[in-house]
């Protein structure tokens, strides 16, 4: 595995990077958390920049509606690099005050180029029971499949999942004993393993995101244990499309080159926020638009720690 990763993982040969780098990501990405950059950003060599795109998905199809198109950032960075012109310089710090339950980002502009505009983006996801910021999904809240009844790793003093139904009443919904014991059995024949059959199974997974305790009834090399049940017509009322959106928020200037965004936690959700910093461009046509890393508060994970070969996830 390591020889392969040494070839295909850009981080494996980061020491060879000498040119400016722009990491482009999306707040509503279906595959990556908005704050996963935080895990490796400090190890990436300079110069480096982040362009977090609000209110779009992995494809960035909706990019350009909420803010300037990412192509402008790529263009400005490229022109500055090939013309040996200066690039913006700035740093930031992410902090959390667990006593006041506030998160904070401090931004410091350190270079010659002065910013033309600084503001923030913030967004609340749909519950305190999943750090899920995907731009949209179909979830079954009534049966508690989206909101979990327990909150592992919840810090002392945080509100429980259902304080008199005030926070997340759907999370208190419980399955009946029959539903808990029900196992979905998929018995496949050779006739099932064709394009139409696989399409129906994929459609079931994509529409519901709802996983029962399916028995592994693998047929040959095909393992359907990850397949979700098809939605029944009577179940459609239990499901709803939910969207995670970001909106602009104010940044406070506290010194000549120092700006702050400080936000309180939302007791019902995870809250994400980050800076957007705009600078004049290298040719006067268009500027630089970069962002900070994303801060998500509270910082704890609503699930038990999982390590080793026995740790397996599932699509939701």
Protein backbone atom coordinates (compact mmCIF):
# COMPACT_ATOMS: atom_id res chain seq x y z
CA UNK A 1 0.00 0.00 0.00
CA UNK A 2 2.75 2.47 0.90
CA UNK A 3 4.53 2.25 -2.50
CA UNK A 4 1.23 3.06 -4.19
CA UNK A 5 0.49 5.94 -1.81
CA UNK A 6 3.95 7.35 -2.45
CA UNK A 7 2.91 7.75 -6.08
CA UNK A 8 -0.70 8.91 -5.90
CA UNK A 9 -0.87 10.89 -2.64
CA UNK A 10 0.27 14.49 -3.28
CA UNK A 11 1.16 14.82 0.39
CA UNK A 12 3.73 12.03 0.07
CA UNK A 13 6.05 14.23 -2.00
CA UNK A 14 5.24 17.57 -0.40
CA UNK A 15 8.94 18.30 0.17
CA UNK A 16 9.34 18.76 -3.59
CA UNK A 17 6.79 21.57 -3.78
CA UNK A 18 8.41 24.93 -4.47
CA UNK A 19 5.62 26.83 -6.27
CA UNK A 20 2.60 28.48 -4.60
CA UNK A 21 -0.19 26.04 -3.84
CA UNK A 22 -3.94 26.68 -3.61
CA UNK A 23 -6.08 24.03 -1.92
CA UNK A 24 -9.68 24.31 -3.11
CA UNK A 25 -12.44 22.65 -1.11
CA UNK A 26 -16.19 23.04 -0.55
CA UNK A 27 -18.23 23.46 2.61
CA UNK A 28 -20.84 21.02 1.31
CA UNK A 29 -18.45 18.38 -0.02
CA UNK A 30 -19.95 14.89 0.00
CA UNK A 31 -16.61 13.19 0.68
CA UNK A 32 -14.50 15.53 2.82
CA UNK A 33 -15.27 17.35 6.03
CA UNK A 34 -14.83 21.13 5.78
CA UNK A 35 -12.18 21.04 8.52
CA UNK A 36 -10.17 18.01 7.37
CA UNK A 37 -7.51 20.39 6.01
CA UNK A 38 -6.66 21.13 9.64
CA UNK A 39 -5.15 17.64 10.00
CA UNK A 40 -2.28 18.25 7.60
CA UNK A 41 -2.14 21.97 6.81
CA UNK A 42 0.72 22.82 9.18
CA UNK A 43 2.97 20.25 7.48
CA UNK A 44 2.44 21.63 3.97
CA UNK A 45 5.40 23.83 2.92
CA UNK A 46 4.90 27.51 2.08
CA UNK A 47 3.68 29.36 0.10
CA UNK A 48 0.20 27.88 0.43
CA UNK A 49 -3.38 29.10 0.36
CA UNK A 50 -6.88 27.78 0.98
CA UNK A 51 -9.94 28.60 -1.09
CA UNK A 52 -12.96 27.21 0.78
CA UNK A 53 -16.02 27.50 -1.44
CA UNK A 54 -19.27 28.09 0.51
CA UNK A 55 -22.60 26.59 -0.52
CA UNK A 56 -21.37 24.16 -3.12
CA UNK A 57 -20.58 20.45 -3.26
CA UNK A 58 -17.63 18.34 -4.36
CA UNK A 59 -18.24 19.16 -8.02
CA UNK A 60 -18.21 22.92 -7.22
CA UNK A 61 -21.14 23.16 -9.64
CA UNK A 62 -22.73 25.92 -7.56
CA UNK A 63 -19.44 27.77 -7.18
CA UNK A 64 -19.73 31.41 -8.15
CA UNK A 65 -23.22 32.02 -6.81
CA UNK A 66 -22.22 32.88 -3.23
CA UNK A 67 -18.85 34.46 -4.05
CA UNK A 68 -16.43 35.00 -6.97
CA UNK A 69 -15.70 31.95 -9.09
CA UNK A 70 -12.69 29.89 -8.04
CA UNK A 71 -11.18 30.39 -11.50
CA UNK A 72 -10.36 33.98 -10.56
CA UNK A 73 -8.33 32.84 -7.56
CA UNK A 74 -6.43 30.34 -9.70
CA UNK A 75 -5.79 32.99 -12.36
CA UNK A 76 -4.50 35.62 -9.94
CA UNK A 77 -2.24 33.17 -8.10
CA UNK A 78 -0.84 31.86 -11.38
CA UNK A 79 -0.13 35.32 -12.78
CA UNK A 80 1.63 36.44 -9.61
CA UNK A 81 3.77 33.30 -9.60
CA UNK A 82 4.88 33.43 -13.24
CA UNK A 83 5.55 37.19 -13.06
CA UNK A 84 7.41 36.86 -9.74
CA UNK A 85 5.05 39.35 -8.15
CA UNK A 86 4.34 39.31 -4.41
CA UNK A 87 1.52 37.20 -3.06
CA UNK A 88 -0.64 38.02 -0.02
CA UNK A 89 0.75 36.96 3.33
CA UNK A 90 -1.43 36.22 6.35
CA UNK A 91 -1.79 33.75 9.19
CA UNK A 92 -4.55 32.66 11.55
CA UNK A 93 -5.16 30.88 14.84
CA UNK A 94 -8.14 28.68 15.72
CA UNK A 95 -9.14 28.53 19.39
CA UNK A 96 -12.05 27.37 21.51
CA UNK A 97 -13.11 28.47 24.99
CA UNK A 98 -14.90 25.49 26.52
CA UNK A 99 -16.10 27.50 29.52
CA UNK A 100 -17.87 30.18 27.50
CA UNK A 101 -18.57 27.73 24.66
CA UNK A 102 -17.23 30.07 22.04
CA UNK A 103 -14.99 29.49 19.06
CA UNK A 104 -12.60 32.09 17.69
CA UNK A 105 -10.39 32.70 14.68
CA UNK A 106 -7.70 35.39 14.83
CA UNK A 107 -6.45 36.60 11.43
CA UNK A 108 -3.15 38.47 11.00
CA UNK A 109 -2.17 40.13 7.71
CA UNK A 110 1.62 40.19 7.62
CA UNK A 111 2.61 41.02 4.03
CA UNK A 112 2.94 44.12 1.87
CA UNK A 113 -0.39 43.64 0.09
CA UNK A 114 -3.23 45.07 2.14
CA UNK A 115 -6.65 43.39 2.05
CA UNK A 116 -9.51 45.03 0.18
CA UNK A 117 -12.20 43.13 2.08
CA UNK A 118 -12.37 40.76 5.06
CA UNK A 119 -15.45 38.95 6.33
CA UNK A 120 -16.53 35.56 7.57
CA UNK A 121 -18.73 32.66 6.56
CA UNK A 122 -20.71 30.62 9.07
CA UNK A 123 -23.08 27.69 8.88
CA UNK A 124 -24.95 25.43 11.28
CA UNK A 125 -25.50 21.83 10.34
CA UNK A 126 -28.70 19.94 11.10
CA UNK A 127 -28.01 18.41 14.51
CA UNK A 128 -25.52 18.00 17.38
CA UNK A 129 -25.52 14.26 16.68
CA UNK A 130 -23.54 14.21 13.46
CA UNK A 131 -20.74 16.44 12.15
CA UNK A 132 -22.35 16.39 8.73
CA UNK A 133 -22.08 19.48 6.53
CA UNK A 134 -22.88 17.87 3.17
CA UNK A 135 -24.82 20.35 1.10
CA UNK A 136 -27.94 18.17 0.90
CA UNK A 137 -29.21 14.74 1.84
CA UNK A 138 -32.35 12.69 2.31
CA UNK A 139 -32.71 11.63 5.93
CA UNK A 140 -35.24 9.71 7.97
CA UNK A 141 -35.59 11.65 11.21
CA UNK A 142 -38.76 10.07 12.52
CA UNK A 143 -37.11 6.68 13.08
CA UNK A 144 -33.99 8.22 14.55
CA UNK A 145 -31.76 7.12 11.69
CA UNK A 146 -30.27 10.57 11.21
CA UNK A 147 -30.22 11.76 14.81
CA UNK A 148 -28.74 9.25 17.18
CA UNK A 149 -30.31 8.69 20.61
CA UNK A 150 -26.96 8.92 22.41
CA UNK A 151 -24.06 11.33 22.25
CA UNK A 152 -20.74 9.55 22.86
CA UNK A 153 -17.90 11.77 24.06
CA UNK A 154 -20.28 14.56 25.02
CA UNK A 155 -18.44 16.90 27.41
CA UNK A 156 -19.89 17.26 30.87
CA UNK A 157 -22.47 19.99 31.03
CA UNK A 158 -23.55 19.83 27.40
CA UNK A 159 -27.26 19.48 26.78
CA UNK A 160 -28.51 15.95 26.27
CA UNK A 161 -30.20 14.86 23.08
CA UNK A 162 -33.74 15.54 24.28
CA UNK A 163 -34.09 17.98 27.18
CA UNK A 164 -37.90 18.02 27.28
CA UNK A 165 -37.85 17.81 23.51
CA UNK A 166 -36.38 21.28 23.24
CA UNK A 167 -33.24 20.45 21.29
CA UNK A 168 -33.85 17.58 18.93
CA UNK A 169 -37.19 15.91 19.52
CA UNK A 170 -36.70 13.62 16.53
CA UNK A 171 -33.66 12.11 18.20
CA UNK A 172 -35.87 10.69 20.93
CA UNK A 173 -37.88 8.61 18.49
CA UNK A 174 -37.16 4.96 19.09
CA UNK A 175 -37.76 1.90 17.03
CA UNK A 176 -40.21 -0.75 18.10
CA UNK A 177 -38.86 -4.12 19.19
CA UNK A 178 -39.99 -5.53 15.88
CA UNK A 179 -38.04 -2.89 14.00
CA UNK A 180 -34.93 -3.44 16.12
CA UNK A 181 -35.01 -7.17 15.53
CA UNK A 182 -35.90 -6.96 11.87
CA UNK A 183 -33.06 -8.02 9.58
CA UNK A 184 -33.07 -7.25 5.91
CA UNK A 185 -32.11 -10.33 3.94
CA UNK A 186 -30.90 -9.93 0.37
CA UNK A 187 -30.88 -13.20 -1.54
CA UNK A 188 -29.43 -12.62 -4.98
CA UNK A 189 -29.54 -14.90 -7.96
CA UNK A 190 -27.47 -14.76 -11.12
CA UNK A 191 -30.34 -12.88 -12.77
CA UNK A 192 -30.07 -10.14 -10.15
CA UNK A 193 -26.43 -9.38 -10.89
CA UNK A 194 -26.93 -7.25 -13.96
CA UNK A 195 -26.95 -3.56 -14.74
CA UNK A 196 -30.63 -3.11 -13.92
CA UNK A 197 -30.40 -5.00 -10.66
CA UNK A 198 -27.31 -3.13 -9.52
CA UNK A 199 -28.93 0.15 -10.48
CA UNK A 200 -31.93 -0.59 -8.27
CA UNK A 201 -29.64 -1.52 -5.37
CA UNK A 202 -27.57 1.62 -5.85
CA UNK A 203 -30.72 3.73 -6.07
CA UNK A 204 -31.89 2.28 -2.77
CA UNK A 205 -28.63 3.28 -1.12
CA UNK A 206 -28.50 6.74 -2.67
CA UNK A 207 -32.10 7.69 -1.90
CA UNK A 208 -32.36 6.46 1.66
CA UNK A 209 -28.96 6.55 3.29
CA UNK A 210 -30.74 4.24 5.74
CA UNK A 211 -28.92 1.11 6.85
CA UNK A 212 -30.54 -1.76 8.66
CA UNK A 213 -28.67 -4.68 10.19
CA UNK A 214 -28.40 -6.37 6.80
CA UNK A 215 -27.11 -9.91 6.69
CA UNK A 216 -24.20 -10.49 4.39
CA UNK A 217 -25.71 -12.54 1.58
CA UNK A 218 -22.83 -12.03 -0.81
CA UNK A 219 -23.17 -13.77 -4.17
CA UNK A 220 -19.77 -14.64 -5.54
CA UNK A 221 -17.61 -11.54 -5.34
CA UNK A 222 -20.60 -9.24 -4.93
CA UNK A 223 -21.16 -8.18 -1.35
CA UNK A 224 -24.55 -6.51 -0.79
CA UNK A 225 -24.05 -6.00 2.94
CA UNK A 226 -23.81 -2.25 2.42
CA UNK A 227 -27.09 -2.00 0.53
CA UNK A 228 -29.88 0.03 2.10
CA UNK A 229 -33.52 -1.05 1.82
CA UNK A 230 -35.70 0.44 -0.87
CA UNK A 231 -38.12 3.10 0.28
CA UNK A 232 -41.69 1.96 0.47
CA UNK A 233 -44.36 4.40 -0.74
CA UNK A 234 -45.75 4.71 2.77
CA UNK A 235 -42.28 5.69 4.04
CA UNK A 236 -41.92 8.73 1.81
CA UNK A 237 -43.60 11.02 4.32
CA UNK A 238 -40.95 10.08 6.90
CA UNK A 239 -38.09 11.38 4.76
CA UNK A 240 -37.13 14.93 3.96
CA UNK A 241 -34.48 16.76 1.99
CA UNK A 242 -32.21 18.74 4.27
CA UNK A 243 -29.63 21.32 3.23
CA UNK A 244 -26.56 22.74 4.96
CA UNK A 245 -25.96 26.34 3.92
CA UNK A 246 -23.45 29.02 4.90
CA UNK A 247 -24.03 32.76 5.21
CA UNK A 248 -21.75 35.77 5.62
CA UNK A 249 -20.85 37.02 9.08
CA UNK A 250 -18.95 40.08 10.29
CA UNK A 251 -15.26 40.12 11.15
CA UNK A 252 -14.08 42.60 13.80
CA UNK A 253 -10.84 44.54 13.33
CA UNK A 254 -9.05 44.79 16.68
CA UNK A 255 -5.71 46.22 15.45
CA UNK A 256 -4.11 47.51 12.25
CA UNK A 257 -3.48 44.04 10.85
CA UNK A 258 -5.57 41.88 13.18
CA UNK A 259 -9.16 40.70 12.68
CA UNK A 260 -11.31 38.38 14.80
CA UNK A 261 -14.39 36.22 14.32
CA UNK A 262 -15.80 34.92 17.61
CA UNK A 263 -19.03 32.94 17.67
CA UNK A 264 -21.02 31.15 20.33
CA UNK A 265 -21.96 27.52 19.96
CA UNK A 266 -25.42 26.62 18.79
CA UNK A 267 -26.74 24.12 21.39
CA UNK A 268 -28.70 22.27 18.72
CA UNK A 269 -26.03 21.93 16.02
CA UNK A 270 -22.38 21.91 15.09
CA UNK A 271 -21.35 25.37 13.90
CA UNK A 272 -18.65 25.97 11.28
CA UNK A 273 -17.06 29.28 10.33
CA UNK A 274 -14.03 30.69 8.55
CA UNK A 275 -12.49 33.89 7.18
CA UNK A 276 -12.57 35.05 3.58
CA UNK A 277 -9.83 37.55 2.71
CA UNK A 278 -9.79 39.45 -0.58
CA UNK A 279 -6.75 41.30 -1.93
CA UNK A 280 -6.06 43.42 -5.04
CA UNK A 281 -4.86 41.26 -7.92
CA UNK A 282 -1.57 41.31 -9.83
CA UNK A 283 -2.93 43.01 -12.97
CA UNK A 284 -5.80 45.14 -11.68
CA UNK A 285 -8.42 42.97 -13.41
CA UNK A 286 -9.31 40.63 -10.61
CA UNK A 287 -8.07 40.04 -7.10
CA UNK A 288 -7.02 37.21 -4.84
CA UNK A 289 -9.71 35.48 -2.76
CA UNK A 290 -8.41 33.15 -0.08
CA UNK A 291 -9.81 31.75 3.15
CA UNK A 292 -8.64 30.47 6.50
CA UNK A 293 -9.11 26.96 7.77
CA UNK A 294 -12.58 26.09 9.02
CA UNK A 295 -13.32 26.09 12.75
CA UNK A 296 -16.12 23.74 13.89
CA UNK A 297 -17.53 24.14 17.40
CA UNK A 298 -17.80 22.31 19.66
CA UNK A 299 -14.62 20.44 18.81
CA UNK A 300 -15.59 17.08 20.29
CA UNK A 301 -16.68 14.14 18.10
CA UNK A 302 -20.19 12.70 18.63
CA UNK A 303 -18.99 9.10 18.31
CA UNK A 304 -16.70 6.70 20.07
CA UNK A 305 -13.05 6.56 19.11
CA UNK A 306 -12.36 3.81 16.61
CA UNK A 307 -8.90 2.50 15.68
CA UNK A 308 -7.36 -0.61 14.19
CA UNK A 309 -8.52 -3.22 11.71
CA UNK A 310 -11.81 -3.69 13.51
CA UNK A 311 -12.82 -0.09 12.79
CA UNK A 312 -15.19 0.03 9.84
CA UNK A 313 -17.49 2.77 8.66
CA UNK A 314 -20.54 2.85 6.46
CA UNK A 315 -22.15 5.18 3.97
CA UNK A 316 -24.86 7.41 5.45
